[in-house]
Amino acid sequence: MSDSDKRRHTRYVCSIKNKFRYFVGNPDEIDISIDTPHKGKGVIRDISCSGAFITSNTRVPVGMPIILKFSFNKQKMNLQGNIVRTGLLKNNPTEIAKKFSIFSSKEDSYIAVEFNELINEFNK
C-alpha cells in the first residue's frame, strides 16, 4: 500500500509561502493564547482539509502546536494544528519528500501538520 492509499483526505500539490508560529516545551502545558511562540517560514508543498506538508529551514519539535498563516484564493488563512512528523528531507522516504529534496534549493527539512479542524476550502 502506498502513502497516498493511506490518506483519509485528498492532498493537493501546491507551492504556498507561509509563516508559522510554533511552540516548544511540554505540549500538555502549552497555552497558545498566552505562551510566546517561535517564528518560522516555509512553503506548503501539499495540503488537504486535514493537514499540510511544509518544507522549511526551521527545525521544530514533534507533538507541538503550530499556527500556519498564509493566503489561499485571496483569503487569509490562520490555521492551528499539531506537528506530527518532522525531519530532514533527504532522510524522508515518502514520494513528496523525495520530489522536493531534489528540486528545493532553499528548504532542507519538512514539517507534517495535522489541523485541529477540517478545513472546508481544501475539501474538494
PDB file of N, CA and C in Angstrom:
ATOM      1  N   MET A   1       0.854  -1.187   0.000  1.00  0.00           N
ATOM      2  CA  MET A   1       0.000   0.000   0.000  1.00  0.00           C
ATOM      3  C   MET A   1       0.887   1.233   0.000  1.00  0.00           C
ATOM      4  N   SER A   2       0.622   2.155  -0.907  1.00  0.00           N
ATOM      5  CA  SER A   2       1.433   3.369  -0.973  1.00  0.00           C
ATOM      6  C   SER A   2       0.947   4.394   0.035  1.00  0.00           C
ATOM      7  N   ASP A   3       1.779   5.450   0.245  1.00  0.00           N
ATOM      8  CA  ASP A   3       1.417   6.528   1.168  1.00  0.00           C
ATOM      9  C   ASP A   3       0.067   7.144   0.822  1.00  0.00           C
ATOM     10  N   SER A   4      -0.166   7.379  -0.481  1.00  0.00           N
ATOM     11  CA  SER A   4      -1.399   8.047  -0.878  1.00  0.00           C
ATOM     12  C   SER A   4      -2.618   7.183  -0.603  1.00  0.00           C
ATOM     13  N   ASP A   5      -2.464   5.857  -0.596  1.00  0.00           N
ATOM     14  CA  ASP A   5      -3.587   4.972  -0.304  1.00  0.00           C
ATOM     15  C   ASP A   5      -4.029   5.065   1.148  1.00  0.00           C
ATOM     16  N   LYS A   6      -3.145   5.471   2.035  1.00  0.00           N
ATOM     17  CA  LYS A   6      -3.453   5.554   3.464  1.00  0.00           C
ATOM     18  C   LYS A   6      -4.110   6.870   3.847  1.00  0.00           C
ATOM     19  N   ARG A   7      -4.115   7.839   2.963  1.00  0.00           N
ATOM     20  CA  ARG A   7      -4.643   9.162   3.271  1.00  0.00           C
ATOM     21  C   ARG A   7      -6.155   9.131   3.401  1.00  0.00           C
ATOM     22  N   ARG A   8      -6.666   9.812   4.429  1.00  0.00           N
ATOM     23  CA  ARG A   8      -8.114   9.932   4.615  1.00  0.00           C
ATOM     24  C   ARG A   8      -8.705  10.992   3.696  1.00  0.00           C
ATOM     25  N   HIS A   9      -7.909  11.995   3.340  1.00  0.00           N
ATOM     26  CA  HIS A   9      -8.390  13.108   2.541  1.00  0.00           C
ATOM     27  C   HIS A   9      -7.441  13.362   1.371  1.00  0.00           C
ATOM     28  N   THR A  10      -8.007  13.803   0.266  1.00  0.00           N
ATOM     29  CA  THR A  10      -7.221  14.093  -0.924  1.00  0.00           C
ATOM     30  C   THR A  10      -6.253  15.233  -0.646  1.00  0.00           C
ATOM     31  N   ARG A  11      -5.008  15.025  -1.073  1.00  0.00           N
ATOM     32  CA  ARG A  11      -3.986  16.061  -0.924  1.00  0.00           C
ATOM     33  C   ARG A  11      -3.772  16.715  -2.271  1.00  0.00           C
ATOM     34  N   TYR A  12      -3.520  18.031  -2.209  1.00  0.00           N
ATOM     35  CA  TYR A  12      -3.315  18.810  -3.421  1.00  0.00           C
ATOM     36  C   TYR A  12      -1.910  19.389  -3.410  1.00  0.00           C
ATOM     37  N   VAL A  13      -1.151  19.125  -4.479  1.00  0.00           N
ATOM     38  CA  VAL A  13       0.198  19.668  -4.610  1.00  0.00           C
ATOM     39  C   VAL A  13       0.084  21.173  -4.811  1.00  0.00           C
ATOM     40  N   CYS A  14       0.930  21.919  -4.130  1.00  0.00           N
ATOM     41  CA  CYS A  14       0.894  23.372  -4.221  1.00  0.00           C
ATOM     42  C   CYS A  14       2.271  23.930  -3.881  1.00  0.00           C
ATOM     43  N   SER A  15       2.378  25.228  -3.915  1.00  0.00           N
ATOM     44  CA  SER A  15       3.602  25.917  -3.516  1.00  0.00           C
ATOM     45  C   SER A  15       3.174  27.251  -2.907  1.00  0.00           C
ATOM     46  N   ILE A  16       2.785  27.195  -1.632  1.00  0.00           N
ATOM     47  CA  ILE A  16       2.238  28.363  -0.938  1.00  0.00           C
ATOM     48  C   ILE A  16       3.219  28.810   0.143  1.00  0.00           C
ATOM     49  N   LYS A  17       3.767  30.014  -0.024  1.00  0.00           N
ATOM     50  CA  LYS A  17       4.646  30.548   1.020  1.00  0.00           C
ATOM     51  C   LYS A  17       3.823  30.785   2.274  1.00  0.00           C
ATOM     52  N   ASN A  18       4.402  30.466   3.413  1.00  0.00           N
ATOM     53  CA  ASN A  18       3.689  30.668   4.676  1.00  0.00           C
ATOM     54  C   ASN A  18       4.645  31.058   5.781  1.00  0.00           C
ATOM     55  N   LYS A  19       4.064  31.676   6.772  1.00  0.00           N
ATOM     56  CA  LYS A  19       4.767  31.946   8.023  1.00  0.00           C
ATOM     57  C   LYS A  19       4.080  31.089   9.072  1.00  0.00           C
ATOM     58  N   PHE A  20       4.840  30.658  10.054  1.00  0.00           N
ATOM     59  CA  PHE A  20       4.207  29.869  11.106  1.00  0.00           C
ATOM     60  C   PHE A  20       4.793  30.218  12.455  1.00  0.00           C
ATOM     61  N   ARG A  21       4.002  29.952  13.459  1.00  0.00           N
ATOM     62  CA  ARG A  21       4.441  30.091  14.846  1.00  0.00           C
ATOM     63  C   ARG A  21       4.327  28.716  15.468  1.00  0.00           C
ATOM     64  N   TYR A  22       5.376  28.326  16.176  1.00  0.00           N
ATOM     65  CA  TYR A  22       5.374  27.021  16.823  1.00  0.00           C
ATOM     66  C   TYR A  22       5.833  27.181  18.261  1.00  0.00           C
ATOM     67  N   PHE A  23       5.553  26.179  19.036  1.00  0.00           N
ATOM     68  CA  PHE A  23       5.819  26.241  20.467  1.00  0.00           C
ATOM     69  C   PHE A  23       6.769  25.120  20.854  1.00  0.00           C
ATOM     70  N   VAL A  24       7.503  25.338  21.935  1.00  0.00           N
ATOM     71  CA  VAL A  24       8.398  24.314  22.472  1.00  0.00           C
ATOM     72  C   VAL A  24       8.099  24.152  23.954  1.00  0.00           C
ATOM     73  N   GLY A  25       8.436  22.994  24.474  1.00  0.00           N
ATOM     74  CA  GLY A  25       8.182  22.718  25.878  1.00  0.00           C
ATOM     75  C   GLY A  25       7.339  21.470  26.026  1.00  0.00           C
ATOM     76  N   ASN A  26       6.630  21.393  27.131  1.00  0.00           N
ATOM     77  CA  ASN A  26       5.739  20.264  27.396  1.00  0.00           C
ATOM     78  C   ASN A  26       4.400  20.540  26.712  1.00  0.00           C
ATOM     79  N   PRO A  27       4.017  19.726  25.707  1.00  0.00           N
ATOM     80  CA  PRO A  27       2.788  20.008  24.971  1.00  0.00           C
ATOM     81  C   PRO A  27       1.534  20.030  25.852  1.00  0.00           C
ATOM     82  N   ASP A  28       1.572  19.320  26.977  1.00  0.00           N
ATOM     83  CA  ASP A  28       0.415  19.306  27.883  1.00  0.00           C
ATOM     84  C   ASP A  28       0.285  20.600  28.680  1.00  0.00           C
ATOM     85  N   GLU A  29       1.344  21.386  28.708  1.00  0.00           N
ATOM     86  CA  GLU A  29       1.328  22.619  29.499  1.00  0.00           C
ATOM     87  C   GLU A  29       1.286  23.890  28.647  1.00  0.00           C
ATOM     88  N   ILE A  30       1.323  23.747  27.334  1.00  0.00           N
ATOM     89  CA  ILE A  30       1.343  24.922  26.464  1.00  0.00           C
ATOM     90  C   ILE A  30      -0.066  25.476  26.300  1.00  0.00           C
ATOM     91  N   ASP A  31      -0.169  26.791  26.441  1.00  0.00           N
ATOM     92  CA  ASP A  31      -1.413  27.516  26.196  1.00  0.00           C
ATOM     93  C   ASP A  31      -1.102  28.514  25.091  1.00  0.00           C
ATOM     94  N   ILE A  32      -1.571  28.238  23.860  1.00  0.00           N
ATOM     95  CA  ILE A  32      -1.182  29.092  22.736  1.00  0.00           C
ATOM     96  C   ILE A  32      -1.731  30.510  22.851  1.00  0.00           C
ATOM     97  N   SER A  33      -2.682  30.721  23.744  1.00  0.00           N
ATOM     98  CA  SER A  33      -3.211  32.080  23.907  1.00  0.00           C
ATOM     99  C   SER A  33      -2.308  32.944  24.782  1.00  0.00           C
ATOM    100  N   ILE A  34      -1.416  32.325  25.585  1.00  0.00           N
ATOM    101  CA  ILE A  34      -0.547  33.133  26.446  1.00  0.00           C
ATOM    102  C   ILE A  34       0.946  32.840  26.283  1.00  0.00           C
ATOM    103  N   ASP A  35       1.311  31.640  25.841  1.00  0.00           N
ATOM    104  CA  ASP A  35       2.725  31.310  25.678  1.00  0.00           C
ATOM    105  C   ASP A  35       3.298  31.990  24.438  1.00  0.00           C
ATOM    106  N   THR A  36       4.564  32.364  24.505  1.00  0.00           N
ATOM    107  CA  THR A  36       5.231  33.044  23.396  1.00  0.00           C
ATOM    108  C   THR A  36       5.743  32.017  22.396  1.00  0.00           C
ATOM    109  N   PRO A  37       5.304  32.137  21.131  1.00  0.00           N
ATOM    110  CA  PRO A  37       5.746  31.176  20.122  1.00  0.00           C
ATOM    111  C   PRO A  37       7.074  31.579  19.486  1.00  0.00           C
ATOM    112  N   HIS A  38       7.705  30.611  18.851  1.00  0.00           N
ATOM    113  CA  HIS A  38       8.853  30.848  17.985  1.00  0.00           C
ATOM    114  C   HIS A  38       8.291  31.053  16.579  1.00  0.00           C
ATOM    115  N   LYS A  39       9.066  31.720  15.724  1.00  0.00           N
ATOM    116  CA  LYS A  39       8.585  32.010  14.376  1.00  0.00           C
ATOM    117  C   LYS A  39       9.410  31.268  13.336  1.00  0.00           C
ATOM    118  N   GLY A  40       8.739  30.911  12.237  1.00  0.00           N
ATOM    119  CA  GLY A  40       9.404  30.259  11.124  1.00  0.00           C
ATOM    120  C   GLY A  40       8.719  30.594   9.820  1.00  0.00           C
ATOM    121  N   LYS A  41       9.386  30.228   8.722  1.00  0.00           N
ATOM    122  CA  LYS A  41       8.847  30.417   7.379  1.00  0.00           C
ATOM    123  C   LYS A  41       9.039  29.122   6.619  1.00  0.00           C
ATOM    124  N   GLY A  42       8.181  28.918   5.629  1.00  0.00           N
ATOM    125  CA  GLY A  42       8.318  27.738   4.805  1.00  0.00           C
ATOM    126  C   GLY A  42       7.438  27.821   3.583  1.00  0.00           C
ATOM    127  N   VAL A  43       7.337  26.698   2.893  1.00  0.00           N
ATOM    128  CA  VAL A  43       6.492  26.589   1.720  1.00  0.00           C
ATOM    129  C   VAL A  43       5.617  25.350   1.893  1.00  0.00           C
ATOM    130  N   ILE A  44       4.302  25.551   1.807  1.00  0.00           N
ATOM    131  CA  ILE A  44       3.381  24.415   1.856  1.00  0.00           C
ATOM    132  C   ILE A  44       3.492  23.725   0.504  1.00  0.00           C
ATOM    133  N   ARG A  45       3.854  22.445   0.515  1.00  0.00           N
ATOM    134  CA  ARG A  45       4.071  21.689  -0.726  1.00  0.00           C
ATOM    135  C   ARG A  45       2.879  20.821  -1.084  1.00  0.00           C
ATOM    136  N   ASP A  46       2.113  20.414  -0.085  1.00  0.00           N
ATOM    137  CA  ASP A  46       0.822  19.800  -0.359  1.00  0.00           C
ATOM    138  C   ASP A  46      -0.090  20.053   0.825  1.00  0.00           C
ATOM    139  N   ILE A  47      -1.391  20.041   0.529  1.00  0.00           N
ATOM    140  CA  ILE A  47      -2.368  20.409   1.547  1.00  0.00           C
ATOM    141  C   ILE A  47      -3.646  19.615   1.329  1.00  0.00           C
ATOM    142  N   SER A  48      -4.346  19.352   2.414  1.00  0.00           N
ATOM    143  CA  SER A  48      -5.662  18.718   2.354  1.00  0.00           C
ATOM    144  C   SER A  48      -6.534  19.400   3.389  1.00  0.00           C
ATOM    145  N   CYS A  49      -7.755  18.945   3.529  1.00  0.00           N
ATOM    146  CA  CYS A  49      -8.636  19.548   4.528  1.00  0.00           C
ATOM    147  C   CYS A  49      -8.203  19.183   5.943  1.00  0.00           C
ATOM    148  N   SER A  50      -7.292  18.213   6.089  1.00  0.00           N
ATOM    149  CA  SER A  50      -6.883  17.791   7.433  1.00  0.00           C
ATOM    150  C   SER A  50      -5.430  18.079   7.781  1.00  0.00           C
ATOM    151  N   GLY A  51      -4.629  18.554   6.813  1.00  0.00           N
ATOM    152  CA  GLY A  51      -3.234  18.804   7.140  1.00  0.00           C
ATOM    153  C   GLY A  51      -2.426  19.341   5.980  1.00  0.00           C
ATOM    154  N   ALA A  52      -1.138  19.547   6.249  1.00  0.00           N
ATOM    155  CA  ALA A  52      -0.242  20.109   5.240  1.00  0.00           C
ATOM    156  C   ALA A  52       1.163  19.543   5.408  1.00  0.00           C
ATOM    157  N   PHE A  53       1.906  19.579   4.314  1.00  0.00           N
ATOM    158  CA  PHE A  53       3.309  19.174   4.291  1.00  0.00           C
ATOM    159  C   PHE A  53       4.100  20.414   3.902  1.00  0.00           C
ATOM    160  N   ILE A  54       4.997  20.840   4.785  1.00  0.00           N
ATOM    161  CA  ILE A  54       5.734  22.090   4.613  1.00  0.00           C
ATOM    162  C   ILE A  54       7.219  21.789   4.497  1.00  0.00           C
ATOM    163  N   THR A  55       7.901  22.503   3.600  1.00  0.00           N
ATOM    164  CA  THR A  55       9.359  22.465   3.593  1.00  0.00           C
ATOM    165  C   THR A  55       9.847  23.776   4.197  1.00  0.00           C
ATOM    166  N   SER A  56      10.944  23.688   4.949  1.00  0.00           N
ATOM    167  CA  SER A  56      11.429  24.849   5.687  1.00  0.00           C
ATOM    168  C   SER A  56      12.881  24.626   6.096  1.00  0.00           C
ATOM    169  N   ASN A  57      13.520  25.675   6.547  1.00  0.00           N
ATOM    170  CA  ASN A  57      14.828  25.552   7.185  1.00  0.00           C
ATOM    171  C   ASN A  57      14.697  25.587   8.702  1.00  0.00           C
ATOM    172  N   THR A  58      13.496  25.757   9.190  1.00  0.00           N
ATOM    173  CA  THR A  58      13.245  25.847  10.627  1.00  0.00           C
ATOM    174  C   THR A  58      13.107  24.452  11.211  1.00  0.00           C
ATOM    175  N   ARG A  59      13.814  24.198  12.285  1.00  0.00           N
ATOM    176  CA  ARG A  59      13.710  22.914  12.987  1.00  0.00           C
ATOM    177  C   ARG A  59      12.669  23.047  14.086  1.00  0.00           C
ATOM    178  N   VAL A  60      11.697  22.153  14.076  1.00  0.00           N
ATOM    179  CA  VAL A  60      10.594  22.217  15.034  1.00  0.00           C
ATOM    180  C   VAL A  60      10.472  20.869  15.749  1.00  0.00           C
ATOM    181  N   PRO A  61       9.908  20.871  16.967  1.00  0.00           N
ATOM    182  CA  PRO A  61       9.726  19.608  17.678  1.00  0.00           C
ATOM    183  C   PRO A  61       8.393  18.941  17.327  1.00  0.00           C
ATOM    184  N   VAL A  62       8.386  17.618  17.296  1.00  0.00           N
ATOM    185  CA  VAL A  62       7.178  16.835  17.039  1.00  0.00           C
ATOM    186  C   VAL A  62       6.234  16.923  18.235  1.00  0.00           C
ATOM    187  N   GLY A  63       4.939  16.867  17.944  1.00  0.00           N
ATOM    188  CA  GLY A  63       3.931  16.832  19.000  1.00  0.00           C
ATOM    189  C   GLY A  63       3.548  18.191  19.541  1.00  0.00           C
ATOM    190  N   MET A  64       4.069  19.230  18.939  1.00  0.00           N
ATOM    191  CA  MET A  64       3.833  20.576  19.443  1.00  0.00           C
ATOM    192  C   MET A  64       2.795  21.309  18.603  1.00  0.00           C
ATOM    193  N   PRO A  65       2.103  22.290  19.218  1.00  0.00           N
ATOM    194  CA  PRO A  65       1.157  23.109  18.458  1.00  0.00           C
ATOM    195  C   PRO A  65       1.885  23.997  17.456  1.00  0.00           C
ATOM    196  N   ILE A  66       1.178  24.284  16.344  1.00  0.00           N
ATOM    197  CA  ILE A  66       1.705  25.162  15.308  1.00  0.00           C
ATOM    198  C   ILE A  66       0.531  25.967  14.748  1.00  0.00           C
ATOM    199  N   ILE A  67       0.807  27.194  14.356  1.00  0.00           N
ATOM    200  CA  ILE A  67      -0.201  28.051  13.734  1.00  0.00           C
ATOM    201  C   ILE A  67       0.355  28.496  12.386  1.00  0.00           C
ATOM    202  N   LEU A  68      -0.329  28.112  11.301  1.00  0.00           N
ATOM    203  CA  LEU A  68       0.095  28.468   9.952  1.00  0.00           C
ATOM    204  C   LEU A  68      -0.644  29.709   9.492  1.00  0.00           C
ATOM    205  N   LYS A  69       0.080  30.599   8.835  1.00  0.00           N
ATOM    206  CA  LYS A  69      -0.507  31.834   8.313  1.00  0.00           C
ATOM    207  C   LYS A  69      -0.110  31.959   6.846  1.00  0.00           C
ATOM    208  N   PHE A  70      -1.132  32.006   5.954  1.00  0.00           N
ATOM    209  CA  PHE A  70      -0.880  32.110   4.524  1.00  0.00           C
ATOM    210  C   PHE A  70      -2.153  32.582   3.823  1.00  0.00           C
ATOM    211  N   SER A  71      -2.017  32.901   2.537  1.00  0.00           N
ATOM    212  CA  SER A  71      -3.178  33.292   1.737  1.00  0.00           C
ATOM    213  C   SER A  71      -3.504  32.176   0.758  1.00  0.00           C
ATOM    214  N   PHE A  72      -4.803  31.930   0.582  1.00  0.00           N
ATOM    215  CA  PHE A  72      -5.279  30.901  -0.340  1.00  0.00           C
ATOM    216  C   PHE A  72      -6.535  31.435  -1.019  1.00  0.00           C
ATOM    217  N   ASN A  73      -6.523  31.505  -2.358  1.00  0.00           N
ATOM    218  CA  ASN A  73      -7.663  32.057  -3.107  1.00  0.00           C
ATOM    219  C   ASN A  73      -8.094  33.418  -2.572  1.00  0.00           C
ATOM    220  N   LYS A  74      -7.112  34.284  -2.367  1.00  0.00           N
ATOM    221  CA  LYS A  74      -7.332  35.661  -1.880  1.00  0.00           C
ATOM    222  C   LYS A  74      -7.935  35.720  -0.477  1.00  0.00           C
ATOM    223  N   GLN A  75      -7.897  34.614   0.236  1.00  0.00           N
ATOM    224  CA  GLN A  75      -8.406  34.573   1.611  1.00  0.00           C
ATOM    225  C   GLN A  75      -7.225  34.334   2.554  1.00  0.00           C
ATOM    226  N   LYS A  76      -7.161  35.129   3.613  1.00  0.00           N
ATOM    227  CA  LYS A  76      -6.094  34.941   4.605  1.00  0.00           C
ATOM    228  C   LYS A  76      -6.471  33.773   5.516  1.00  0.00           C
ATOM    229  N   MET A  77      -5.541  32.819   5.639  1.00  0.00           N
ATOM    230  CA  MET A  77      -5.766  31.628   6.459  1.00  0.00           C
ATOM    231  C   MET A  77      -4.884  31.727   7.699  1.00  0.00           C
ATOM    232  N   ASN A  78      -5.418  31.329   8.818  1.00  0.00           N
ATOM    233  CA  ASN A  78      -4.708  31.287  10.088  1.00  0.00           C
ATOM    234  C   ASN A  78      -5.143  29.978  10.752  1.00  0.00           C
ATOM    235  N   LEU A  79      -4.405  28.894  10.498  1.00  0.00           N
ATOM    236  CA  LEU A  79      -4.838  27.559  10.885  1.00  0.00           C
ATOM    237  C   LEU A  79      -4.004  26.997  12.033  1.00  0.00           C
ATOM    238  N   GLN A  80      -4.676  26.399  12.981  1.00  0.00           N
ATOM    239  CA  GLN A  80      -3.995  25.771  14.105  1.00  0.00           C
ATOM    240  C   GLN A  80      -3.934  24.261  13.889  1.00  0.00           C
ATOM    241  N   GLY A  81      -2.836  23.692  14.337  1.00  0.00           N
ATOM    242  CA  GLY A  81      -2.669  22.257  14.220  1.00  0.00           C
ATOM    243  C   GLY A  81      -1.566  21.768  15.133  1.00  0.00           C
ATOM    244  N   ASN A  82      -1.145  20.532  14.883  1.00  0.00           N
ATOM    245  CA  ASN A  82      -0.055  19.925  15.639  1.00  0.00           C
ATOM    246  C   ASN A  82       0.963  19.342  14.674  1.00  0.00           C
ATOM    247  N   ILE A  83       2.209  19.421  15.051  1.00  0.00           N
ATOM    248  CA  ILE A  83       3.296  18.862  14.255  1.00  0.00           C
ATOM    249  C   ILE A  83       3.317  17.360  14.509  1.00  0.00           C
ATOM    250  N   VAL A  84       3.067  16.569  13.450  1.00  0.00           N
ATOM    251  CA  VAL A  84       3.005  15.116  13.619  1.00  0.00           C
ATOM    252  C   VAL A  84       4.281  14.403  13.174  1.00  0.00           C
ATOM    253  N   ARG A  85       5.041  15.028  12.252  1.00  0.00           N
ATOM    254  CA  ARG A  85       6.328  14.479  11.827  1.00  0.00           C
ATOM    255  C   ARG A  85       7.210  15.628  11.388  1.00  0.00           C
ATOM    256  N   THR A  86       8.503  15.436  11.520  1.00  0.00           N
ATOM    257  CA  THR A  86       9.447  16.431  11.036  1.00  0.00           C
ATOM    258  C   THR A  86      10.797  15.747  10.840  1.00  0.00           C
ATOM    259  N   GLY A  87      11.651  16.370  10.087  1.00  0.00           N
ATOM    260  CA  GLY A  87      12.976  15.810   9.864  1.00  0.00           C
ATOM    261  C   GLY A  87      13.606  16.422   8.632  1.00  0.00           C
ATOM    262  N   LEU A  88      14.722  15.863   8.222  1.00  0.00           N
ATOM    263  CA  LEU A  88      15.407  16.331   7.020  1.00  0.00           C
ATOM    264  C   LEU A  88      14.778  15.681   5.793  1.00  0.00           C
ATOM    265  N   LEU A  89      14.589  16.466   4.744  1.00  0.00           N
ATOM    266  CA  LEU A  89      14.005  15.933   3.507  1.00  0.00           C
ATOM    267  C   LEU A  89      14.801  14.747   2.975  1.00  0.00           C
ATOM    268  N   LYS A  90      16.115  14.822   3.046  1.00  0.00           N
ATOM    269  CA  LYS A  90      16.938  13.749   2.476  1.00  0.00           C
ATOM    270  C   LYS A  90      16.762  12.425   3.219  1.00  0.00           C
ATOM    271  N   ASN A  91      16.241  12.463   4.451  1.00  0.00           N
ATOM    272  CA  ASN A  91      16.030  11.237   5.225  1.00  0.00           C
ATOM    273  C   ASN A  91      14.593  10.736   5.194  1.00  0.00           C
ATOM    274  N   ASN A  92      13.690  11.438   4.477  1.00  0.00           N
ATOM    275  CA  ASN A  92      12.279  11.060   4.437  1.00  0.00           C
ATOM    276  C   ASN A  92      12.018  10.212   3.201  1.00  0.00           C
ATOM    277  N   PRO A  93      11.494   8.984   3.375  1.00  0.00           N
ATOM    278  CA  PRO A  93      11.303   8.080   2.238  1.00  0.00           C
ATOM    279  C   PRO A  93      10.031   8.340   1.420  1.00  0.00           C
ATOM    280  N   THR A  94       9.173   9.282   1.817  1.00  0.00           N
ATOM    281  CA  THR A  94       7.919   9.491   1.098  1.00  0.00           C
ATOM    282  C   THR A  94       8.165  10.115  -0.269  1.00  0.00           C
ATOM    283  N   GLU A  95       7.231   9.892  -1.186  1.00  0.00           N
ATOM    284  CA  GLU A  95       7.351  10.425  -2.542  1.00  0.00           C
ATOM    285  C   GLU A  95       7.475  11.938  -2.563  1.00  0.00           C
ATOM    286  N   ILE A  96       6.634  12.616  -1.809  1.00  0.00           N
ATOM    287  CA  ILE A  96       6.639  14.086  -1.831  1.00  0.00           C
ATOM    288  C   ILE A  96       7.965  14.637  -1.303  1.00  0.00           C
ATOM    289  N   ALA A  97       8.489  14.023  -0.238  1.00  0.00           N
ATOM    290  CA  ALA A  97       9.764  14.491   0.312  1.00  0.00           C
ATOM    291  C   ALA A  97      10.897  14.261  -0.680  1.00  0.00           C
ATOM    292  N   LYS A  98      10.905  13.094  -1.331  1.00  0.00           N
ATOM    293  CA  LYS A  98      11.938  12.816  -2.329  1.00  0.00           C
ATOM    294  C   LYS A  98      11.868  13.829  -3.461  1.00  0.00           C
ATOM    295  N   LYS A  99      10.654  14.118  -3.907  1.00  0.00           N
ATOM    296  CA  LYS A  99      10.468  15.070  -5.000  1.00  0.00           C
ATOM    297  C   LYS A  99      11.040  16.441  -4.633  1.00  0.00           C
ATOM    298  N   PHE A 100      10.730  16.921  -3.444  1.00  0.00           N
ATOM    299  CA  PHE A 100      11.155  18.265  -3.092  1.00  0.00           C
ATOM    300  C   PHE A 100      12.587  18.329  -2.585  1.00  0.00           C
ATOM    301  N   SER A 101      13.153  17.229  -2.154  1.00  0.00           N
ATOM    302  CA  SER A 101      14.563  17.263  -1.768  1.00  0.00           C
ATOM    303  C   SER A 101      15.439  17.445  -2.999  1.00  0.00           C
ATOM    304  N   ILE A 102      14.964  17.001  -4.150  1.00  0.00           N
ATOM    305  CA  ILE A 102      15.715  17.146  -5.397  1.00  0.00           C
ATOM    306  C   ILE A 102      15.605  18.573  -5.933  1.00  0.00           C
ATOM    307  N   PHE A 103      14.385  19.135  -5.910  1.00  0.00           N
ATOM    308  CA  PHE A 103      14.141  20.425  -6.532  1.00  0.00           C
ATOM    309  C   PHE A 103      14.285  21.614  -5.599  1.00  0.00           C
ATOM    310  N   SER A 104      14.215  21.395  -4.309  1.00  0.00           N
ATOM    311  CA  SER A 104      14.251  22.513  -3.369  1.00  0.00           C
ATOM    312  C   SER A 104      15.685  22.887  -3.052  1.00  0.00           C
ATOM    313  N   SER A 105      16.039  24.124  -3.368  1.00  0.00           N
ATOM    314  CA  SER A 105      17.391  24.566  -3.069  1.00  0.00           C
ATOM    315  C   SER A 105      17.438  25.371  -1.776  1.00  0.00           C
ATOM    316  N   LYS A 106      16.280  25.764  -1.263  1.00  0.00           N
ATOM    317  CA  LYS A 106      16.251  26.612  -0.086  1.00  0.00           C
ATOM    318  C   LYS A 106      15.916  25.845   1.198  1.00  0.00           C
ATOM    319  N   GLU A 107      14.918  24.980   1.140  1.00  0.00           N
ATOM    320  CA  GLU A 107      14.477  24.291   2.360  1.00  0.00           C
ATOM    321  C   GLU A 107      15.105  22.903   2.432  1.00  0.00           C
ATOM    322  N   ASP A 108      15.556  22.531   3.633  1.00  0.00           N
ATOM    323  CA  ASP A 108      16.173  21.222   3.766  1.00  0.00           C
ATOM    324  C   ASP A 108      15.446  20.303   4.745  1.00  0.00           C
ATOM    325  N   SER A 109      14.371  20.802   5.366  1.00  0.00           N
ATOM    326  CA  SER A 109      13.633  19.957   6.296  1.00  0.00           C
ATOM    327  C   SER A 109      12.145  20.012   5.971  1.00  0.00           C
ATOM    328  N   TYR A 110      11.403  19.115   6.589  1.00  0.00           N
ATOM    329  CA  TYR A 110       9.963  19.073   6.361  1.00  0.00           C
ATOM    330  C   TYR A 110       9.222  19.114   7.688  1.00  0.00           C
ATOM    331  N   ILE A 111       7.977  19.566   7.616  1.00  0.00           N
ATOM    332  CA  ILE A 111       7.089  19.606   8.774  1.00  0.00           C
ATOM    333  C   ILE A 111       5.733  19.084   8.305  1.00  0.00           C
ATOM    334  N   ALA A 112       5.277  18.001   8.891  1.00  0.00           N
ATOM    335  CA  ALA A 112       3.947  17.475   8.590  1.00  0.00           C
ATOM    336  C   ALA A 112       3.009  17.949   9.697  1.00  0.00           C
ATOM    337  N   VAL A 113       1.922  18.608   9.291  1.00  0.00           N
ATOM    338  CA  VAL A 113       0.986  19.219  10.233  1.00  0.00           C
ATOM    339  C   VAL A 113      -0.388  18.591  10.078  1.00  0.00           C
ATOM    340  N   GLU A 114      -0.998  18.272  11.200  1.00  0.00           N
ATOM    341  CA  GLU A 114      -2.397  17.848  11.216  1.00  0.00           C
ATOM    342  C   GLU A 114      -3.199  18.995  11.809  1.00  0.00           C
ATOM    343  N   PHE A 115      -4.190  19.500  11.051  1.00  0.00           N
ATOM    344  CA  PHE A 115      -5.002  20.612  11.526  1.00  0.00           C
ATOM    345  C   PHE A 115      -5.910  20.173  12.674  1.00  0.00           C
ATOM    346  N   ASN A 116      -6.242  21.113  13.544  1.00  0.00           N
ATOM    347  CA  ASN A 116      -7.149  20.825  14.657  1.00  0.00           C
ATOM    348  C   ASN A 116      -8.576  20.580  14.178  1.00  0.00           C
ATOM    349  N   GLU A 117      -8.949  21.212  13.066  1.00  0.00           N
ATOM    350  CA  GLU A 117     -10.282  21.048  12.487  1.00  0.00           C
ATOM    351  C   GLU A 117     -10.141  20.853  10.990  1.00  0.00           C
ATOM    352  N   LEU A 118     -11.114  20.158  10.374  1.00  0.00           N
ATOM    353  CA  LEU A 118     -11.114  20.015   8.935  1.00  0.00           C
ATOM    354  C   LEU A 118     -11.381  21.374   8.290  1.00  0.00           C
ATOM    355  N   ILE A 119     -10.663  21.671   7.224  1.00  0.00           N
ATOM    356  CA  ILE A 119     -10.756  22.958   6.546  1.00  0.00           C
ATOM    357  C   ILE A 119     -11.555  22.776   5.260  1.00  0.00           C
ATOM    358  N   ASN A 120     -12.722  23.386   5.172  1.00  0.00           N
ATOM    359  CA  ASN A 120     -13.611  23.196   4.029  1.00  0.00           C
ATOM    360  C   ASN A 120     -12.994  23.639   2.709  1.00  0.00           C
ATOM    361  N   GLU A 121     -12.143  24.655   2.703  1.00  0.00           N
ATOM    362  CA  GLU A 121     -11.559  25.166   1.463  1.00  0.00           C
ATOM    363  C   GLU A 121     -10.768  24.099   0.706  1.00  0.00           C
ATOM    364  N   PHE A 122     -10.288  23.088   1.408  1.00  0.00           N
ATOM    365  CA  PHE A 122      -9.471  22.049   0.767  1.00  0.00           C
ATOM    366  C   PHE A 122     -10.216  20.732   0.672  1.00  0.00           C
ATOM    367  N   ASN A 123     -11.497  20.714   0.922  1.00  0.00           N
ATOM    368  CA  ASN A 123     -12.311  19.500   0.889  1.00  0.00           C
ATOM    369  C   ASN A 123     -13.071  19.466  -0.424  1.00  0.00           C
ATOM    370  N   LYS A 124     -12.398  19.031  -1.477  1.00  0.00           N
ATOM    371  CA  LYS A 124     -12.998  19.025  -2.812  1.00  0.00           C
ATOM    372  C   LYS A 124     -13.428  17.634  -3.194  1.00  0.00           C
TER     373      LYS A 124
END
